[in-house]
């Protein structure tokens, strides 16, 4: 059974998680930065709350976080498939 750690202070609401998830699913680029996510969100979000959401999405294997940015994994987006086939490093 998966153990869930509850952080105090910056717990995101379900609506906030879904807002970030939707943005990542529908992004036009294959890689996006945290700063770009904050700019594109329809509402302002606390930085630590956003990091908590991204940590959750990475643990749930919905996103991959690298030094170049964040990419959505499920279902594998066409840009990511093309980048992999062309040997693009992410």
C-alpha atoms as a PDB file:
ATOM      1  CA  UNK A   1       0.000   0.000   0.000  1.00  0.00           C
ATOM      2  CA  UNK A   2       1.249   3.455  -0.922  1.00  0.00           C
ATOM      3  CA  UNK A   3       2.033   5.732   2.013  1.00  0.00           C
ATOM      4  CA  UNK A   4       0.909   9.332   1.637  1.00  0.00           C
ATOM      5  CA  UNK A   5       2.783  12.122   3.388  1.00  0.00           C
ATOM      6  CA  UNK A   6       0.639  15.103   4.333  1.00  0.00           C
ATOM      7  CA  UNK A   7       2.461  18.426   4.287  1.00  0.00           C
ATOM      8  CA  UNK A   8       1.292  21.261   6.465  1.00  0.00           C
ATOM      9  CA  UNK A   9       0.941  24.785   5.151  1.00  0.00           C
ATOM     10  CA  UNK A  10       0.565  24.459   1.391  1.00  0.00           C
ATOM     11  CA  UNK A  11      -1.973  21.752   0.722  1.00  0.00           C
ATOM     12  CA  UNK A  12      -3.528  22.190  -2.706  1.00  0.00           C
ATOM     13  CA  UNK A  13      -7.241  21.870  -3.284  1.00  0.00           C
ATOM     14  CA  UNK A  14      -8.618  19.403  -5.792  1.00  0.00           C
ATOM     15  CA  UNK A  15      -9.584  22.284  -8.102  1.00  0.00           C
ATOM     16  CA  UNK A  16      -5.994  23.580  -8.060  1.00  0.00           C
ATOM     17  CA  UNK A  17      -4.571  20.134  -8.819  1.00  0.00           C
ATOM     18  CA  UNK A  18      -7.014  19.696 -11.704  1.00  0.00           C
ATOM     19  CA  UNK A  19      -6.176  23.178 -13.029  1.00  0.00           C
ATOM     20  CA  UNK A  20      -2.447  22.349 -13.172  1.00  0.00           C
ATOM     21  CA  UNK A  21      -3.118  18.875 -14.596  1.00  0.00           C
ATOM     22  CA  UNK A  22      -5.304  20.324 -17.341  1.00  0.00           C
ATOM     23  CA  UNK A  23      -2.660  22.882 -18.278  1.00  0.00           C
ATOM     24  CA  UNK A  24       0.020  20.203 -18.523  1.00  0.00           C
ATOM     25  CA  UNK A  25      -2.186  17.834 -20.534  1.00  0.00           C
ATOM     26  CA  UNK A  26      -3.067  20.530 -23.056  1.00  0.00           C
ATOM     27  CA  UNK A  27       0.297  22.268 -23.416  1.00  0.00           C
ATOM     28  CA  UNK A  28       1.482  22.816 -26.967  1.00  0.00           C
ATOM     29  CA  UNK A  29       5.196  22.387 -26.244  1.00  0.00           C
ATOM     30  CA  UNK A  30       6.674  19.062 -25.172  1.00  0.00           C
ATOM     31  CA  UNK A  31       8.614  20.685 -22.299  1.00  0.00           C
ATOM     32  CA  UNK A  32       7.464  23.506 -19.998  1.00  0.00           C
ATOM     33  CA  UNK A  33       9.156  25.249 -17.071  1.00  0.00           C
ATOM     34  CA  UNK A  34       7.686  25.990 -13.637  1.00  0.00           C
ATOM     35  CA  UNK A  35       7.792  29.719 -14.408  1.00  0.00           C
ATOM     36  CA  UNK A  36       5.865  29.156 -17.645  1.00  0.00           C
ATOM     37  CA  UNK A  37       3.265  27.059 -15.809  1.00  0.00           C
ATOM     38  CA  UNK A  38       2.732  29.921 -13.352  1.00  0.00           C
ATOM     39  CA  UNK A  39       2.318  32.404 -16.246  1.00  0.00           C
ATOM     40  CA  UNK A  40      -0.191  30.238 -18.113  1.00  0.00           C
ATOM     41  CA  UNK A  41      -2.418  29.301 -15.170  1.00  0.00           C
ATOM     42  CA  UNK A  42      -5.755  31.173 -15.110  1.00  0.00           C
ATOM     43  CA  UNK A  43      -5.340  31.924 -11.374  1.00  0.00           C
ATOM     44  CA  UNK A  44      -2.292  32.756  -9.282  1.00  0.00           C
ATOM     45  CA  UNK A  45      -0.908  29.874  -7.273  1.00  0.00           C
ATOM     46  CA  UNK A  46       1.561  29.777  -4.391  1.00  0.00           C
ATOM     47  CA  UNK A  47       4.980  28.529  -5.533  1.00  0.00           C
ATOM     48  CA  UNK A  48       5.219  25.880  -2.791  1.00  0.00           C
ATOM     49  CA  UNK A  49       1.698  24.681  -3.574  1.00  0.00           C
ATOM     50  CA  UNK A  50       2.653  24.296  -7.242  1.00  0.00           C
ATOM     51  CA  UNK A  51       5.769  22.335  -6.274  1.00  0.00           C
ATOM     52  CA  UNK A  52       3.621  20.062  -4.083  1.00  0.00           C
ATOM     53  CA  UNK A  53       1.278  19.414  -7.029  1.00  0.00           C
ATOM     54  CA  UNK A  54       4.198  18.714  -9.384  1.00  0.00           C
ATOM     55  CA  UNK A  55       5.720  16.333  -6.824  1.00  0.00           C
ATOM     56  CA  UNK A  56       2.388  14.500  -6.584  1.00  0.00           C
ATOM     57  CA  UNK A  57       2.039  14.280 -10.388  1.00  0.00           C
ATOM     58  CA  UNK A  58       5.593  12.972 -10.716  1.00  0.00           C
ATOM     59  CA  UNK A  59       5.033  10.321  -8.028  1.00  0.00           C
ATOM     60  CA  UNK A  60       1.820   9.357  -9.840  1.00  0.00           C
ATOM     61  CA  UNK A  61       3.904   9.019 -13.065  1.00  0.00           C
ATOM     62  CA  UNK A  62       1.842  11.552 -14.972  1.00  0.00           C
ATOM     63  CA  UNK A  63       4.762  13.950 -15.550  1.00  0.00           C
ATOM     64  CA  UNK A  64       8.527  13.774 -15.867  1.00  0.00           C
ATOM     65  CA  UNK A  65      10.667  16.532 -14.371  1.00  0.00           C
ATOM     66  CA  UNK A  66      14.131  17.068 -15.817  1.00  0.00           C
ATOM     67  CA  UNK A  67      16.678  19.871 -15.678  1.00  0.00           C
ATOM     68  CA  UNK A  68      15.185  21.311 -18.878  1.00  0.00           C
ATOM     69  CA  UNK A  69      11.585  21.330 -17.663  1.00  0.00           C
ATOM     70  CA  UNK A  70       8.436  19.288 -17.215  1.00  0.00           C
ATOM     71  CA  UNK A  71       6.663  17.065 -19.717  1.00  0.00           C
ATOM     72  CA  UNK A  72       3.314  15.255 -19.577  1.00  0.00           C
ATOM     73  CA  UNK A  73       3.597  11.456 -19.893  1.00  0.00           C
ATOM     74  CA  UNK A  74       0.100   9.949 -19.911  1.00  0.00           C
ATOM     75  CA  UNK A  75      -1.067   9.274 -22.491  1.00  0.00           C
ATOM     76  CA  UNK A  76       2.215   9.904 -24.223  1.00  0.00           C
ATOM     77  CA  UNK A  77       1.876  13.147 -26.125  1.00  0.00           C
ATOM     78  CA  UNK A  78       2.772  13.195 -29.848  1.00  0.00           C
ATOM     79  CA  UNK A  79       5.525  15.796 -29.345  1.00  0.00           C
ATOM     80  CA  UNK A  80       7.235  13.523 -26.805  1.00  0.00           C
ATOM     81  CA  UNK A  81       6.965  10.512 -29.150  1.00  0.00           C
ATOM     82  CA  UNK A  82       8.534  12.584 -31.940  1.00  0.00           C
ATOM     83  CA  UNK A  83      11.277  13.878 -29.635  1.00  0.00           C
ATOM     84  CA  UNK A  84      12.113  10.318 -28.559  1.00  0.00           C
ATOM     85  CA  UNK A  85      12.151   9.047 -32.140  1.00  0.00           C
ATOM     86  CA  UNK A  86      14.425  11.935 -33.176  1.00  0.00           C
ATOM     87  CA  UNK A  87      16.722  11.380 -30.206  1.00  0.00           C
ATOM     88  CA  UNK A  88      16.003  14.751 -28.541  1.00  0.00           C
ATOM     89  CA  UNK A  89      17.443  14.912 -25.027  1.00  0.00           C
ATOM     90  CA  UNK A  90      14.980  16.042 -22.350  1.00  0.00           C
END
